[in-house]
Amino acid sequence: MATSRITVGLPVYKGADLIAKALECLQRQTISNFEAIISVDGNDQETAAVCRPFLADPRFHMVVHTERLDWVGNFNWLLQQELNEFFCYRQHDDTTSPKFFETLLRVANTEPRAAAIYCDCQHIGGRNDVEIVPSIEGEEPLDRIFQYIARLPSIGAPVPIRGLIRTAAIRQAGLVRPDEFRAAWQIYGWLANLLQWGDFRRVAEPLYYRLDHARSYTRGYWNEAHQAAWTTLFTGLLDAAMRHCRTQEQRLFFQQSILDRLVAFPLRQSNNSTEELVAECVERLRVEGNTHLFNVKEFPSILEELQGRVDELRRIEGSRLRRAISKIRQQFRFGKLIYPGSLKRRFIYQIRHVIAMSKKMTRLVLSSIGRHSAS
C-alpha cells in the first residue's frame, strides 16, 4: 500500500447510534491509503464498543479519553497528533461520497498553495439545502484574511473545515481557541489563521453529506449559544489579522473593518446602540486579556466616524451593485496598504480584483436576464 497522505480525525461523544455509518463510509473510499484516529470523549464506553470491531482494519486507531474534553478540546487533541500531509476532520454523524478523498486529492495535487481543499456540503435528514463557500485566493496572507472578513455578515458555514487541510497550515495556525461558550464562533477565527498559510479552494460538487438531527451540536447548542458568544468572533478575527499586520496603517484598517462589520450586522438579535455594541467588543478583549489587539491609543482613530461607516455598510448591503462598487474602493485602499513601496505590484493587485469583480457582475447580470426571460 502506498504511504498514507491523509489522517482522518473523528472526535465523538455519545455517538453510538451513528458512528458506525461514518466509519463504514471511510472504508468505502476509493482512496484507501489513509489513517483514521477515533477520539472518544468522556470515557464513553458505549460508543467505544461500537467502534472496536473497526479496529480490525489496520487503518483505524482509537483513543478513549477518561476526562470530558468537549468538542473543541477533542478537536485540538487530534490536531496535536502526528498527522500525515493532510488532516480530514470527520464529524461522527456525517458521511461523504466514496470519491470524496479521490476528488479532493486530485485538486490538492494541482493546488500546492491551498491550505484547505473542500467541497459543497449537502444536508440530509431534517434539511436538504447545500452549503456553498466560495474559494479564497491571494498572494498575501492579509489579502486572503481581508477577503474572508469582507464576507461578513454572510460569512457562511465553516465548510472548509470539512475538507482536506494541509498539516503545514495547521502547524502555523495553531489550535482553536477555547472559551466558556464551547467555542461556538472560534472555528471561524481558526479558519482565518489557516488563511495565513494559503488559499481556500472550493470543489463545486456536493460530496459531503451533513446529517441534520435533533442531537447535533448545531441544533442542540450552537443555535442558542452563538448569540451570546458573538463578541468572540470579533476577538478571533482580530487576533488572526494582527498576526500579519506590519504597519500601524494595516492595524487600523483591519481593526476598523472587523469592528464596523460586526457592529453594523451584530450576529445576534439586538436593540443596542453602536456605542453599546462597541463596548461589548472591548469588554470581551479585556476578559480574554487581549487588549493589545486594540489598545487605548488606537481607540480614537477607530471610533472616528464609526457611525457613518456603519450606516454606509447597512445602506449598501441591500444592493449588489453598491456592494461591488464598495468592494472595488476597498481593494484600491487595501492595495496601498499591502504594497506601499511597489506601485507595480499594487497596480497588478488592484487590476486583478477589478477584473474578477467585473466577471462576477457580468455573471450576475446574465443570470438576472435569464430569470426574467424565463418568467
Protein backbone atom coordinates (compact mmCIF):
# COMPACT_ATOMS: atom_id res chain seq x y z
CA MET A 1 0.00 0.00 0.00
CA ALA A 2 1.24 3.49 -0.79
CA THR A 3 2.22 5.84 2.03
CA SER A 4 -0.80 7.40 3.72
CA ARG A 5 -1.27 11.07 2.86
CA ILE A 6 -4.43 11.63 4.92
CA THR A 7 -5.07 11.45 8.65
CA VAL A 8 -8.78 11.39 9.46
CA GLY A 9 -9.76 12.70 12.89
CA LEU A 10 -13.10 11.59 14.32
CA PRO A 11 -13.92 13.22 17.67
CA VAL A 12 -17.01 11.58 19.15
CA TYR A 13 -19.11 11.66 22.31
CA LYS A 14 -22.39 9.81 22.79
CA GLY A 15 -22.47 8.83 19.13
CA ALA A 16 -23.02 5.08 19.42
CA ASP A 17 -26.05 5.17 17.14
CA LEU A 18 -24.32 7.00 14.27
CA ILE A 19 -20.55 6.43 14.37
CA ALA A 20 -20.67 3.08 12.53
CA LYS A 21 -22.09 4.70 9.38
CA ALA A 22 -19.28 7.26 9.40
CA LEU A 23 -16.64 4.54 9.75
CA GLU A 24 -18.20 2.33 7.08
CA CYS A 25 -18.23 5.35 4.77
CA LEU A 26 -14.48 5.74 5.25
CA GLN A 27 -13.93 2.10 4.38
CA ARG A 28 -15.78 2.61 1.09
CA GLN A 29 -13.49 5.42 -0.08
CA THR A 30 -11.90 4.84 -3.48
CA ILE A 31 -8.63 6.14 -2.00
CA SER A 32 -7.77 3.52 0.59
CA ASN A 33 -4.39 4.72 1.88
CA PHE A 34 -5.44 6.83 4.86
CA GLU A 35 -5.25 6.57 8.64
CA ALA A 36 -8.14 7.28 11.00
CA ILE A 37 -7.98 8.26 14.67
CA ILE A 38 -11.23 7.76 16.59
CA SER A 39 -11.07 10.04 19.62
CA VAL A 40 -13.78 9.01 22.10
CA ASP A 41 -14.52 11.71 24.67
CA GLY A 42 -15.55 11.47 28.31
CA ASN A 43 -14.93 7.72 28.79
CA ASP A 44 -17.94 6.96 26.56
CA GLN A 45 -17.71 3.17 26.64
CA GLU A 46 -20.92 2.63 24.67
CA THR A 47 -19.52 4.47 21.65
CA ALA A 48 -16.13 2.80 22.08
CA ALA A 49 -17.81 -0.62 21.97
CA VAL A 50 -19.39 0.20 18.60
CA CYS A 51 -16.01 1.32 17.25
CA ARG A 52 -13.93 -1.66 18.42
CA PRO A 53 -14.88 -4.04 15.57
CA PHE A 54 -13.47 -1.49 13.11
CA LEU A 55 -10.05 -1.72 14.76
CA ALA A 56 -9.54 -4.99 12.86
CA ASP A 57 -8.88 -2.64 9.94
CA PRO A 58 -5.22 -1.58 10.48
CA ARG A 59 -6.02 1.92 9.23
CA PHE A 60 -8.22 2.61 12.27
CA HIS A 61 -6.97 3.51 15.74
CA MET A 62 -8.95 4.51 18.83
CA VAL A 63 -8.23 6.50 21.99
CA VAL A 64 -10.76 6.74 24.84
CA HIS A 65 -10.25 9.82 27.00
CA THR A 66 -11.09 9.37 30.65
CA GLU A 67 -12.00 13.05 31.09
CA ARG A 68 -14.51 15.16 29.15
CA LEU A 69 -12.66 17.36 26.66
CA ASP A 70 -15.77 18.69 24.85
CA TRP A 71 -15.66 19.11 21.08
CA VAL A 72 -13.03 21.85 20.95
CA GLY A 73 -10.70 20.07 23.37
CA ASN A 74 -11.11 16.83 21.44
CA PHE A 75 -10.54 18.58 18.11
CA ASN A 76 -7.41 20.29 19.47
CA TRP A 77 -6.14 16.95 20.81
CA LEU A 78 -6.43 15.49 17.33
CA LEU A 79 -4.59 18.48 15.81
CA GLN A 80 -1.65 17.79 18.13
CA GLN A 81 -1.17 14.19 16.98
CA GLU A 82 1.36 13.09 14.38
CA LEU A 83 -0.51 13.88 11.17
CA ASN A 84 0.11 12.95 7.56
CA GLU A 85 0.26 15.52 4.77
CA PHE A 86 -3.46 16.26 5.08
CA PHE A 87 -5.84 16.29 8.02
CA CYS A 88 -9.50 15.47 7.48
CA TYR A 89 -11.95 16.33 10.25
CA ARG A 90 -14.91 13.98 10.15
CA GLN A 91 -17.93 14.53 12.37
CA HIS A 92 -19.23 11.25 13.72
CA ASP A 93 -22.72 11.80 12.29
CA ASP A 94 -21.68 12.73 8.75
CA THR A 95 -20.79 10.78 5.62
CA THR A 96 -19.40 11.50 2.15
CA SER A 97 -19.36 10.25 -1.39
CA PRO A 98 -16.98 7.28 -1.92
CA LYS A 99 -14.96 9.60 -4.21
CA PHE A 100 -14.56 12.32 -1.55
CA PHE A 101 -10.83 11.73 -0.91
CA GLU A 102 -10.08 10.95 -4.54
CA THR A 103 -11.71 14.14 -5.82
CA LEU A 104 -10.17 16.48 -3.24
CA LEU A 105 -6.69 14.94 -3.56
CA ARG A 106 -6.79 15.39 -7.32
CA VAL A 107 -7.37 19.11 -6.83
CA ALA A 108 -4.85 19.33 -3.97
CA ASN A 109 -2.15 17.91 -6.24
CA THR A 110 -2.63 20.83 -8.64
CA GLU A 111 -3.02 23.49 -5.93
CA PRO A 112 0.10 23.36 -3.72
CA ARG A 113 -0.73 26.78 -2.23
CA ALA A 114 -4.14 25.68 -0.96
CA ALA A 115 -4.36 25.40 2.82
CA ALA A 116 -7.80 23.76 2.59
CA ILE A 117 -9.49 21.92 -0.26
CA TYR A 118 -13.18 21.27 0.32
CA CYS A 119 -16.43 20.55 -1.48
CA ASP A 120 -20.03 21.66 -1.04
CA CYS A 121 -21.98 20.19 1.89
CA GLN A 122 -25.32 18.54 1.17
CA HIS A 123 -27.67 18.50 4.16
CA ILE A 124 -29.64 15.32 4.71
CA GLY A 125 -32.19 14.42 7.36
CA GLY A 126 -34.18 17.42 8.58
CA ARG A 127 -32.80 19.73 5.85
CA ASN A 128 -31.96 19.34 2.17
CA ASP A 129 -30.10 22.58 1.35
CA VAL A 130 -26.49 22.75 0.14
CA GLU A 131 -23.82 24.78 1.95
CA ILE A 132 -21.54 26.55 -0.53
CA VAL A 133 -18.50 28.62 0.46
CA PRO A 134 -16.55 30.22 -2.42
CA SER A 135 -12.79 29.90 -2.78
CA ILE A 136 -10.40 32.49 -1.36
CA GLU A 137 -7.19 33.09 -3.29
CA GLY A 138 -4.46 35.69 -2.92
CA GLU A 139 -0.70 36.12 -2.86
CA GLU A 140 -0.58 37.85 0.54
CA PRO A 141 -1.89 36.48 3.87
CA LEU A 142 -3.54 39.81 4.69
CA ASP A 143 -5.30 39.82 1.32
CA ARG A 144 -6.80 36.39 1.99
CA ILE A 145 -7.84 37.34 5.53
CA PHE A 146 -9.39 40.57 4.24
CA GLN A 147 -11.45 38.66 1.65
CA TYR A 148 -12.68 36.42 4.46
CA ILE A 149 -13.63 39.32 6.73
CA ALA A 150 -15.31 41.17 3.87
CA ARG A 151 -17.89 38.36 3.66
CA LEU A 152 -19.45 39.44 6.95
CA PRO A 153 -22.33 39.28 7.71
CA SER A 154 -22.67 36.43 5.16
CA ILE A 155 -19.59 34.55 6.31
CA GLY A 156 -21.38 31.23 5.80
CA ALA A 157 -20.89 27.86 7.45
CA PRO A 158 -17.35 26.68 8.31
CA VAL A 159 -17.34 24.37 5.29
CA PRO A 160 -13.54 24.42 4.68
CA ILE A 161 -13.00 22.56 7.96
CA ARG A 162 -14.77 19.54 6.45
CA GLY A 163 -12.32 19.06 3.60
CA LEU A 164 -8.62 18.26 3.40
CA ILE A 165 -6.42 20.65 5.38
CA ARG A 166 -2.68 20.71 4.89
CA THR A 167 -0.85 19.83 8.07
CA ALA A 168 1.71 22.54 7.37
CA ALA A 169 -1.10 25.10 7.52
CA ILE A 170 -2.38 23.61 10.79
CA ARG A 171 1.05 23.82 12.39
CA GLN A 172 1.22 27.52 11.52
CA ALA A 173 -2.37 28.24 12.57
CA GLY A 174 -2.11 26.55 15.96
CA LEU A 175 -5.10 25.35 17.97
CA VAL A 176 -8.72 26.52 18.13
CA ARG A 177 -9.23 28.95 20.99
CA PRO A 178 -11.45 27.51 23.77
CA ASP A 179 -13.95 29.66 25.66
CA GLU A 180 -16.90 29.45 28.03
CA PHE A 181 -19.32 29.18 25.07
CA ARG A 182 -17.94 25.82 23.89
CA ALA A 183 -16.09 27.71 21.16
CA ALA A 184 -19.31 28.49 19.29
CA TRP A 185 -17.59 31.02 16.98
CA GLN A 186 -13.92 30.18 17.49
CA ILE A 187 -13.66 27.90 14.47
CA TYR A 188 -14.04 30.97 12.23
CA GLY A 189 -11.01 32.61 13.80
CA TRP A 190 -9.09 29.37 13.32
CA LEU A 191 -10.04 29.28 9.65
CA ALA A 192 -8.75 32.85 9.32
CA ASN A 193 -5.47 31.62 10.81
CA LEU A 194 -5.31 28.86 8.17
CA LEU A 195 -5.56 31.57 5.52
CA GLN A 196 -2.24 32.92 6.73
CA TRP A 197 -0.65 29.83 5.14
CA GLY A 198 -2.54 29.64 1.86
CA ASP A 199 -5.74 29.66 -0.18
CA PHE A 200 -9.13 28.06 0.37
CA ARG A 201 -10.07 26.02 -2.70
CA ARG A 202 -13.68 25.01 -3.30
CA VAL A 203 -14.56 21.94 -5.37
CA ALA A 204 -18.04 22.61 -6.77
CA GLU A 205 -19.56 19.20 -6.05
CA PRO A 206 -21.80 18.22 -3.08
CA LEU A 207 -19.69 15.29 -1.89
CA TYR A 208 -20.03 15.83 1.86
CA TYR A 209 -23.32 14.75 3.47
CA ARG A 210 -24.11 16.56 6.70
CA LEU A 211 -26.80 14.94 8.83
CA ASP A 212 -29.30 17.30 10.44
CA HIS A 213 -30.79 15.74 13.57
CA ALA A 214 -32.10 16.77 17.00
CA ARG A 215 -28.92 15.85 18.92
CA SER A 216 -26.44 17.58 16.62
CA TYR A 217 -24.16 20.29 18.03
CA THR A 218 -25.85 22.85 15.78
CA ARG A 219 -29.39 22.00 16.82
CA GLY A 220 -28.59 21.10 20.41
CA TYR A 221 -26.32 24.00 21.35
CA TRP A 222 -25.00 26.37 18.68
CA ASN A 223 -28.32 27.85 17.56
CA GLU A 224 -28.73 29.42 21.00
CA ALA A 225 -25.13 29.89 22.16
CA HIS A 226 -23.91 31.76 19.10
CA GLN A 227 -25.86 34.88 20.06
CA ALA A 228 -24.26 35.12 23.50
CA ALA A 229 -20.82 34.37 22.04
CA TRP A 230 -20.80 36.81 19.10
CA THR A 231 -18.02 39.02 20.51
CA THR A 232 -15.63 36.04 20.40
CA LEU A 233 -15.81 36.24 16.61
CA PHE A 234 -14.59 39.84 16.88
CA THR A 235 -11.59 38.87 19.00
CA GLY A 236 -10.84 35.74 16.96
CA LEU A 237 -10.74 37.56 13.62
CA LEU A 238 -8.80 40.44 15.15
CA ASP A 239 -6.20 38.06 16.54
CA ALA A 240 -5.75 36.39 13.14
CA ALA A 241 -5.35 39.71 11.31
CA MET A 242 -3.00 41.35 13.82
CA ARG A 243 -0.50 38.48 13.47
CA HIS A 244 0.40 39.68 9.97
CA CYS A 245 -0.07 43.45 10.19
CA ARG A 246 3.35 45.04 9.70
CA THR A 247 2.39 48.72 9.90
CA GLN A 248 0.12 50.90 12.03
CA GLU A 249 -1.95 51.68 8.92
CA GLN A 250 -2.61 47.96 8.36
CA ARG A 251 -3.63 47.50 12.00
CA LEU A 252 -6.05 50.42 11.80
CA PHE A 253 -7.56 49.12 8.54
CA PHE A 254 -8.33 45.68 9.98
CA GLN A 255 -9.47 46.97 13.34
CA GLN A 256 -11.94 49.26 11.58
CA SER A 257 -13.05 46.64 9.04
CA ILE A 258 -13.80 43.96 11.63
CA LEU A 259 -15.43 46.27 14.16
CA ASP A 260 -17.50 48.09 11.51
CA ARG A 261 -18.97 44.89 10.10
CA LEU A 262 -19.76 43.25 13.41
CA VAL A 263 -21.36 46.43 14.76
CA ALA A 264 -23.30 47.03 11.53
CA PHE A 265 -24.52 43.42 11.49
CA PRO A 266 -24.33 42.04 15.06
CA LEU A 267 -24.65 38.28 14.96
CA ARG A 268 -27.48 38.27 17.48
CA GLN A 269 -30.79 40.00 17.94
CA SER A 270 -30.03 43.37 19.50
CA ASN A 271 -31.55 46.78 20.04
CA ASN A 272 -28.28 48.10 21.45
CA SER A 273 -26.76 51.30 20.13
CA THR A 274 -23.49 51.39 18.21
CA GLU A 275 -21.69 52.59 21.36
CA GLU A 276 -23.09 49.71 23.41
CA LEU A 277 -22.07 47.12 20.79
CA VAL A 278 -18.55 48.57 20.68
CA ALA A 279 -18.41 48.43 24.47
CA GLU A 280 -19.29 44.72 24.37
CA CYS A 281 -16.43 44.05 21.94
CA VAL A 282 -13.94 45.99 24.04
CA GLU A 283 -15.09 44.22 27.19
CA ARG A 284 -14.52 40.87 25.51
CA LEU A 285 -10.93 41.87 24.75
CA ARG A 286 -10.47 42.75 28.44
CA VAL A 287 -11.97 39.44 29.62
CA GLU A 288 -9.66 37.47 27.32
CA GLY A 289 -6.58 39.54 28.23
CA ASN A 290 -6.21 40.60 24.59
CA THR A 291 -6.33 44.38 24.90
CA HIS A 292 -3.02 44.53 22.98
CA LEU A 293 -5.05 43.78 19.83
CA PHE A 294 -6.94 47.05 20.22
CA ASN A 295 -5.05 49.39 22.55
CA VAL A 296 -6.18 52.67 24.08
CA LYS A 297 -4.01 54.82 21.79
CA GLU A 298 -5.65 53.32 18.69
CA PHE A 299 -9.17 53.75 20.04
CA PRO A 300 -9.87 57.38 18.97
CA SER A 301 -8.85 56.72 15.34
CA ILE A 302 -11.02 53.61 15.16
CA LEU A 303 -14.08 55.28 16.65
CA GLU A 304 -13.78 58.37 14.45
CA GLU A 305 -16.78 58.45 12.07
CA LEU A 306 -17.69 54.90 13.13
CA GLN A 307 -21.42 55.54 12.97
CA GLY A 308 -21.09 56.92 9.43
CA ARG A 309 -19.18 53.84 8.28
CA VAL A 310 -21.72 51.53 9.93
CA ASP A 311 -24.64 53.38 8.31
CA GLU A 312 -22.93 53.12 4.92
CA LEU A 313 -22.39 49.37 5.29
CA ARG A 314 -26.05 48.88 6.13
CA ARG A 315 -27.08 51.05 3.17
CA ILE A 316 -25.05 49.16 0.58
CA GLU A 317 -25.85 45.65 1.89
CA GLY A 318 -29.20 45.56 0.10
CA SER A 319 -27.72 46.32 -3.34
CA ARG A 320 -25.35 44.06 -5.25
CA LEU A 321 -24.14 46.97 -7.38
CA ARG A 322 -23.39 49.14 -4.35
CA ARG A 323 -21.58 46.24 -2.68
CA ALA A 324 -19.47 45.72 -5.81
CA ILE A 325 -18.52 49.39 -6.04
CA SER A 326 -17.70 49.50 -2.33
CA LYS A 327 -15.55 46.39 -2.64
CA ILE A 328 -13.57 47.89 -5.53
CA ARG A 329 -12.91 51.02 -3.45
CA GLN A 330 -11.77 48.91 -0.51
CA GLN A 331 -9.46 46.87 -2.73
CA PHE A 332 -7.82 50.03 -4.05
CA ARG A 333 -7.26 51.27 -0.50
CA PHE A 334 -6.06 47.86 0.63
CA GLY A 335 -3.62 47.60 -2.28
CA LYS A 336 -1.84 50.70 -0.98
CA LEU A 337 -1.56 49.13 2.46
CA ILE A 338 -0.04 45.77 1.48
CA TYR A 339 2.22 47.12 -1.29
CA PRO A 340 3.20 50.58 -0.03
CA GLY A 341 6.60 50.54 -1.73
CA SER A 342 5.73 48.94 -5.08
CA LEU A 343 3.46 50.79 -7.49
CA LYS A 344 3.70 47.91 -9.99
CA ARG A 345 2.58 45.21 -7.54
CA ARG A 346 -0.18 47.48 -6.24
CA PHE A 347 -1.43 48.11 -9.78
CA ILE A 348 -1.41 44.39 -10.64
CA TYR A 349 -3.27 43.58 -7.41
CA GLN A 350 -5.91 46.23 -7.98
CA ILE A 351 -6.47 45.38 -11.64
CA ARG A 352 -6.74 41.66 -10.88
CA HIS A 353 -9.52 42.32 -8.38
CA VAL A 354 -11.32 44.73 -10.73
CA ILE A 355 -11.28 42.07 -13.47
CA ALA A 356 -12.55 39.41 -11.03
CA MET A 357 -15.31 41.72 -9.84
CA SER A 358 -16.27 42.59 -13.43
CA LYS A 359 -16.59 38.90 -14.29
CA LYS A 360 -18.75 38.33 -11.21
CA MET A 361 -21.02 41.27 -12.06
CA THR A 362 -21.33 40.02 -15.65
CA ARG A 363 -22.43 36.60 -14.40
CA LEU A 364 -24.99 38.24 -12.09
CA VAL A 365 -26.38 40.37 -14.91
CA LEU A 366 -26.64 37.42 -17.29
CA SER A 367 -28.29 35.34 -14.58
CA SER A 368 -30.80 38.10 -13.90
CA ILE A 369 -31.58 38.41 -17.62
CA GLY A 370 -32.03 34.66 -17.83
CA ARG A 371 -34.50 34.65 -14.94
CA HIS A 372 -36.51 37.49 -16.44
CA SER A 373 -36.59 35.78 -19.84
CA ALA A 374 -37.80 32.54 -18.30
CA SER A 375 -40.64 34.31 -16.47
